[in-house]
Amino acid sequence: MEYYTLLLPLALILLLSKTIGVGFRRVGVPQVIGMILSGIVVGCIGFIPRQEVLTPSVLEGLSFLAKIGVVIIMFSAGLDTDLVKVKQTGVAAIVITVLGVVVPLAWALR
């Protein structure tokens, strides 16, 4: 697989999400809504007959990059956790955090 076949759709996704997100922010709508909308638009490209942008090999490569991105985001969130604030909020924060991990994990493993 040539590098540009993966980098071109990735650049399209990043450019479209940033452009629509900034446009939504200027209108007064949260930027994340624009990014979600751009994800829906990019996802609809797959329904166009004979399109050459999102081929199965590109989708596999994007899926791999997405998994790496999730791990990096989770690692970054862990680094930004302030244990002093967690101790101040007490048992409620710990219960919510544990349930936030255990419930989705149990749901996925069922």
N, C-alpha and C. Protein backbone atom coordinates (compact mmCIF):
# COMPACT_ATOMS: atom_id res chain seq x y z
N MET A 1 0.85 -1.18 0.00
CA MET A 1 0.00 0.00 0.00
C MET A 1 0.89 1.24 0.00
N GLU A 2 0.57 2.17 -0.85
CA GLU A 2 1.31 3.43 -0.90
C GLU A 2 0.91 4.30 0.29
N TYR A 3 1.86 5.11 0.75
CA TYR A 3 1.59 5.95 1.93
C TYR A 3 0.50 6.97 1.67
N TYR A 4 0.46 7.53 0.48
CA TYR A 4 -0.51 8.59 0.21
C TYR A 4 -1.94 8.06 0.23
N THR A 5 -2.12 6.76 0.00
CA THR A 5 -3.48 6.22 0.02
C THR A 5 -4.06 6.23 1.43
N LEU A 6 -3.22 6.24 2.43
CA LEU A 6 -3.69 6.35 3.81
C LEU A 6 -3.64 7.80 4.29
N LEU A 7 -2.62 8.53 3.88
CA LEU A 7 -2.45 9.91 4.36
C LEU A 7 -3.47 10.87 3.75
N LEU A 8 -3.89 10.63 2.52
CA LEU A 8 -4.86 11.51 1.88
C LEU A 8 -6.21 11.48 2.60
N PRO A 9 -6.80 10.31 2.87
CA PRO A 9 -8.05 10.30 3.64
C PRO A 9 -7.88 10.84 5.06
N LEU A 10 -6.72 10.57 5.67
CA LEU A 10 -6.47 11.10 7.01
C LEU A 10 -6.43 12.62 6.99
N ALA A 11 -5.77 13.19 5.98
CA ALA A 11 -5.73 14.65 5.84
C ALA A 11 -7.12 15.20 5.57
N LEU A 12 -7.91 14.50 4.77
CA LEU A 12 -9.29 14.91 4.50
C LEU A 12 -10.10 14.96 5.79
N ILE A 13 -9.98 13.92 6.60
CA ILE A 13 -10.72 13.86 7.86
C ILE A 13 -10.30 14.99 8.79
N LEU A 14 -9.00 15.20 8.96
CA LEU A 14 -8.51 16.25 9.86
C LEU A 14 -8.90 17.64 9.38
N LEU A 15 -8.74 17.89 8.08
CA LEU A 15 -9.07 19.20 7.53
C LEU A 15 -10.56 19.48 7.63
N LEU A 16 -11.38 18.51 7.27
CA LEU A 16 -12.82 18.70 7.32
C LEU A 16 -13.31 18.90 8.75
N SER A 17 -12.80 18.09 9.69
CA SER A 17 -13.27 18.22 11.08
C SER A 17 -12.85 19.55 11.69
N LYS A 18 -11.64 19.99 11.40
CA LYS A 18 -11.18 21.27 11.95
C LYS A 18 -11.95 22.43 11.33
N THR A 19 -12.16 22.40 10.02
CA THR A 19 -12.87 23.48 9.34
C THR A 19 -14.31 23.59 9.82
N ILE A 20 -15.02 22.48 9.85
CA ILE A 20 -16.41 22.52 10.30
C ILE A 20 -16.49 22.86 11.79
N GLY A 21 -15.56 22.34 12.58
CA GLY A 21 -15.54 22.64 14.02
C GLY A 21 -15.34 24.12 14.29
N VAL A 22 -14.40 24.74 13.59
CA VAL A 22 -14.15 26.18 13.78
C VAL A 22 -15.35 26.98 13.29
N GLY A 23 -15.95 26.55 12.18
CA GLY A 23 -17.15 27.24 11.69
C GLY A 23 -18.29 27.17 12.70
N PHE A 24 -18.48 26.03 13.31
CA PHE A 24 -19.52 25.91 14.33
C PHE A 24 -19.21 26.78 15.54
N ARG A 25 -17.93 26.85 15.93
CA ARG A 25 -17.56 27.67 17.09
C ARG A 25 -17.86 29.13 16.83
N ARG A 26 -17.60 29.60 15.60
CA ARG A 26 -17.88 31.00 15.27
C ARG A 26 -19.36 31.31 15.31
N VAL A 27 -20.19 30.32 15.02
CA VAL A 27 -21.64 30.52 15.04
C VAL A 27 -22.16 30.48 16.48
N GLY A 28 -21.40 29.88 17.38
CA GLY A 28 -21.81 29.79 18.77
C GLY A 28 -22.20 28.39 19.20
N VAL A 29 -21.99 27.42 18.32
CA VAL A 29 -22.28 26.02 18.63
C VAL A 29 -20.97 25.37 19.07
N PRO A 30 -21.01 24.44 20.01
CA PRO A 30 -19.76 23.80 20.45
C PRO A 30 -19.01 23.16 19.28
N GLN A 31 -17.71 23.29 19.30
CA GLN A 31 -16.85 22.82 18.23
C GLN A 31 -16.94 21.32 18.05
N VAL A 32 -17.17 20.59 19.12
CA VAL A 32 -17.22 19.14 19.03
C VAL A 32 -18.43 18.68 18.20
N ILE A 33 -19.49 19.45 18.18
CA ILE A 33 -20.66 19.11 17.36
C ILE A 33 -20.27 19.16 15.88
N GLY A 34 -19.50 20.15 15.50
CA GLY A 34 -19.02 20.22 14.12
C GLY A 34 -18.12 19.07 13.77
N MET A 35 -17.30 18.64 14.72
CA MET A 35 -16.42 17.50 14.46
C MET A 35 -17.21 16.21 14.31
N ILE A 36 -18.24 16.05 15.11
CA ILE A 36 -19.10 14.87 14.98
C ILE A 36 -19.81 14.89 13.63
N LEU A 37 -20.30 16.05 13.22
CA LEU A 37 -20.96 16.17 11.92
C LEU A 37 -19.99 15.85 10.78
N SER A 38 -18.76 16.28 10.90
CA SER A 38 -17.78 15.97 9.85
C SER A 38 -17.48 14.47 9.82
N GLY A 39 -17.51 13.81 10.96
CA GLY A 39 -17.36 12.35 10.98
C GLY A 39 -18.49 11.65 10.27
N ILE A 40 -19.70 12.18 10.42
CA ILE A 40 -20.85 11.61 9.72
C ILE A 40 -20.70 11.82 8.21
N VAL A 41 -20.25 13.01 7.81
CA VAL A 41 -20.06 13.30 6.39
C VAL A 41 -19.00 12.38 5.79
N VAL A 42 -17.88 12.22 6.48
CA VAL A 42 -16.81 11.35 5.97
C VAL A 42 -17.29 9.90 5.93
N GLY A 43 -18.08 9.50 6.91
CA GLY A 43 -18.62 8.14 6.91
C GLY A 43 -19.54 7.88 5.74
N CYS A 44 -20.24 8.90 5.29
CA CYS A 44 -21.15 8.76 4.15
C CYS A 44 -20.41 8.62 2.82
N ILE A 45 -19.14 8.97 2.79
CA ILE A 45 -18.35 8.81 1.56
C ILE A 45 -18.31 7.34 1.15
N GLY A 46 -18.34 6.45 2.11
CA GLY A 46 -18.30 5.03 1.82
C GLY A 46 -19.51 4.53 1.05
N PHE A 47 -20.61 5.28 1.06
CA PHE A 47 -21.82 4.87 0.35
C PHE A 47 -21.82 5.31 -1.11
N ILE A 48 -20.84 6.10 -1.52
CA ILE A 48 -20.76 6.55 -2.91
C ILE A 48 -20.22 5.39 -3.75
N PRO A 49 -20.95 5.03 -4.80
CA PRO A 49 -20.46 3.91 -5.63
C PRO A 49 -19.14 4.25 -6.33
N ARG A 50 -18.26 3.27 -6.44
CA ARG A 50 -16.97 3.36 -7.12
C ARG A 50 -16.09 4.49 -6.60
N GLN A 51 -16.21 4.83 -5.34
CA GLN A 51 -15.31 5.84 -4.78
C GLN A 51 -13.98 5.17 -4.46
N GLU A 52 -12.93 5.94 -4.55
CA GLU A 52 -11.58 5.40 -4.36
C GLU A 52 -10.89 5.98 -3.12
N VAL A 53 -11.64 6.68 -2.28
CA VAL A 53 -11.03 7.33 -1.11
C VAL A 53 -10.97 6.39 0.08
N LEU A 54 -12.08 5.78 0.43
CA LEU A 54 -12.13 4.91 1.60
C LEU A 54 -12.24 3.46 1.17
N THR A 55 -11.15 2.92 0.71
CA THR A 55 -11.09 1.51 0.32
C THR A 55 -10.95 0.65 1.58
N PRO A 56 -11.20 -0.64 1.48
CA PRO A 56 -11.05 -1.50 2.68
C PRO A 56 -9.66 -1.44 3.31
N SER A 57 -8.61 -1.33 2.50
CA SER A 57 -7.27 -1.26 3.09
C SER A 57 -7.05 0.06 3.82
N VAL A 58 -7.63 1.14 3.30
CA VAL A 58 -7.53 2.45 3.97
C VAL A 58 -8.30 2.42 5.27
N LEU A 59 -9.50 1.82 5.26
CA LEU A 59 -10.28 1.72 6.49
C LEU A 59 -9.56 0.90 7.54
N GLU A 60 -8.85 -0.13 7.12
CA GLU A 60 -8.07 -0.94 8.07
C GLU A 60 -6.93 -0.11 8.67
N GLY A 61 -6.26 0.68 7.83
CA GLY A 61 -5.19 1.54 8.33
C GLY A 61 -5.70 2.62 9.26
N LEU A 62 -6.84 3.22 8.91
CA LEU A 62 -7.44 4.25 9.78
C LEU A 62 -7.90 3.64 11.10
N SER A 63 -8.40 2.42 11.06
CA SER A 63 -8.81 1.74 12.30
C SER A 63 -7.60 1.51 13.20
N PHE A 64 -6.48 1.12 12.62
CA PHE A 64 -5.26 0.93 13.40
C PHE A 64 -4.80 2.23 14.04
N LEU A 65 -4.81 3.32 13.25
CA LEU A 65 -4.41 4.62 13.78
C LEU A 65 -5.38 5.10 14.86
N ALA A 66 -6.67 4.80 14.69
CA ALA A 66 -7.67 5.19 15.70
C ALA A 66 -7.42 4.48 17.02
N LYS A 67 -7.05 3.21 16.96
CA LYS A 67 -6.76 2.46 18.19
C LYS A 67 -5.55 3.05 18.91
N ILE A 68 -4.54 3.41 18.16
CA ILE A 68 -3.37 4.04 18.77
C ILE A 68 -3.77 5.38 19.39
N GLY A 69 -4.62 6.14 18.69
CA GLY A 69 -5.08 7.43 19.21
C GLY A 69 -5.84 7.29 20.51
N VAL A 70 -6.67 6.27 20.62
CA VAL A 70 -7.43 6.04 21.86
C VAL A 70 -6.48 5.76 23.01
N VAL A 71 -5.46 4.95 22.78
CA VAL A 71 -4.50 4.64 23.84
C VAL A 71 -3.76 5.91 24.27
N ILE A 72 -3.38 6.75 23.32
CA ILE A 72 -2.67 7.99 23.65
C ILE A 72 -3.58 8.93 24.44
N ILE A 73 -4.85 9.03 24.04
CA ILE A 73 -5.79 9.90 24.76
C ILE A 73 -5.98 9.40 26.19
N MET A 74 -6.13 8.08 26.36
CA MET A 74 -6.31 7.53 27.70
C MET A 74 -5.07 7.75 28.56
N PHE A 75 -3.90 7.59 27.97
CA PHE A 75 -2.65 7.83 28.69
C PHE A 75 -2.55 9.30 29.10
N SER A 76 -2.91 10.19 28.19
CA SER A 76 -2.86 11.63 28.48
C SER A 76 -3.85 11.99 29.60
N ALA A 77 -5.03 11.40 29.56
CA ALA A 77 -6.01 11.66 30.62
C ALA A 77 -5.50 11.17 31.97
N GLY A 78 -4.82 10.05 31.97
CA GLY A 78 -4.25 9.53 33.21
C GLY A 78 -3.16 10.43 33.77
N LEU A 79 -2.36 11.02 32.88
CA LEU A 79 -1.32 11.93 33.33
C LEU A 79 -1.89 13.22 33.90
N ASP A 80 -3.04 13.64 33.37
CA ASP A 80 -3.64 14.90 33.82
C ASP A 80 -4.49 14.75 35.07
N THR A 81 -4.64 13.53 35.57
CA THR A 81 -5.45 13.30 36.76
C THR A 81 -4.74 13.87 37.98
N ASP A 82 -5.46 14.69 38.73
CA ASP A 82 -4.93 15.29 39.95
C ASP A 82 -5.44 14.49 41.15
N LEU A 83 -4.56 13.71 41.77
CA LEU A 83 -4.98 12.84 42.88
C LEU A 83 -5.44 13.62 44.09
N VAL A 84 -4.94 14.83 44.28
CA VAL A 84 -5.38 15.65 45.40
C VAL A 84 -6.86 16.00 45.24
N LYS A 85 -7.27 16.36 44.03
CA LYS A 85 -8.68 16.67 43.78
C LYS A 85 -9.55 15.42 43.91
N VAL A 86 -9.02 14.27 43.52
CA VAL A 86 -9.77 13.03 43.66
C VAL A 86 -10.00 12.73 45.14
N LYS A 87 -8.97 12.95 45.96
CA LYS A 87 -9.12 12.74 47.40
C LYS A 87 -10.12 13.71 48.01
N GLN A 88 -10.15 14.95 47.50
CA GLN A 88 -11.07 15.96 48.03
C GLN A 88 -12.53 15.60 47.71
N THR A 89 -12.77 15.06 46.53
CA THR A 89 -14.16 14.72 46.17
C THR A 89 -14.62 13.45 46.87
N GLY A 90 -13.69 12.63 47.30
CA GLY A 90 -14.03 11.52 48.17
C GLY A 90 -14.50 10.27 47.45
N VAL A 91 -15.37 9.57 48.16
CA VAL A 91 -15.82 8.25 47.73
C VAL A 91 -16.63 8.35 46.43
N ALA A 92 -17.38 9.41 46.24
CA ALA A 92 -18.22 9.54 45.05
C ALA A 92 -17.38 9.48 43.77
N ALA A 93 -16.25 10.15 43.77
CA ALA A 93 -15.39 10.14 42.59
C ALA A 93 -14.84 8.76 42.32
N ILE A 94 -14.48 8.06 43.35
CA ILE A 94 -13.92 6.72 43.18
C ILE A 94 -14.98 5.74 42.68
N VAL A 95 -16.19 5.83 43.24
CA VAL A 95 -17.28 4.93 42.81
C VAL A 95 -17.63 5.19 41.35
N ILE A 96 -17.75 6.45 40.97
CA ILE A 96 -18.09 6.79 39.58
C ILE A 96 -16.99 6.34 38.63
N THR A 97 -15.75 6.51 39.02
CA THR A 97 -14.63 6.10 38.18
C THR A 97 -14.60 4.59 38.01
N VAL A 98 -14.76 3.86 39.09
CA VAL A 98 -14.72 2.39 39.01
C VAL A 98 -15.90 1.88 38.17
N LEU A 99 -17.08 2.43 38.38
CA LEU A 99 -18.24 2.01 37.59
C LEU A 99 -18.07 2.39 36.12
N GLY A 100 -17.42 3.51 35.87
CA GLY A 100 -17.18 3.94 34.50
C GLY A 100 -16.25 3.01 33.74
N VAL A 101 -15.47 2.23 34.46
CA VAL A 101 -14.59 1.25 33.82
C VAL A 101 -15.23 -0.14 33.83
N VAL A 102 -15.80 -0.54 34.96
CA VAL A 102 -16.30 -1.90 35.12
C VAL A 102 -17.55 -2.14 34.27
N VAL A 103 -18.48 -1.21 34.25
CA VAL A 103 -19.74 -1.43 33.52
C VAL A 103 -19.51 -1.56 32.02
N PRO A 104 -18.78 -0.66 31.36
CA PRO A 104 -18.54 -0.87 29.93
C PRO A 104 -17.74 -2.14 29.64
N LEU A 105 -16.80 -2.47 30.51
CA LEU A 105 -16.01 -3.69 30.32
C LEU A 105 -16.91 -4.92 30.44
N ALA A 106 -17.78 -4.97 31.45
CA ALA A 106 -18.70 -6.08 31.61
C ALA A 106 -19.67 -6.15 30.42
N TRP A 107 -20.10 -5.01 29.94
CA TRP A 107 -21.01 -4.97 28.79
C TRP A 107 -20.31 -5.52 27.54
N ALA A 108 -19.04 -5.19 27.37
CA ALA A 108 -18.30 -5.65 26.19
C ALA A 108 -17.99 -7.13 26.26
N LEU A 109 -17.80 -7.66 27.46
CA LEU A 109 -17.44 -9.07 27.62
C LEU A 109 -18.64 -10.00 27.68
N ARG A 110 -19.83 -9.48 27.72
CA ARG A 110 -21.01 -10.35 27.87
C ARG A 110 -21.29 -11.16 26.65
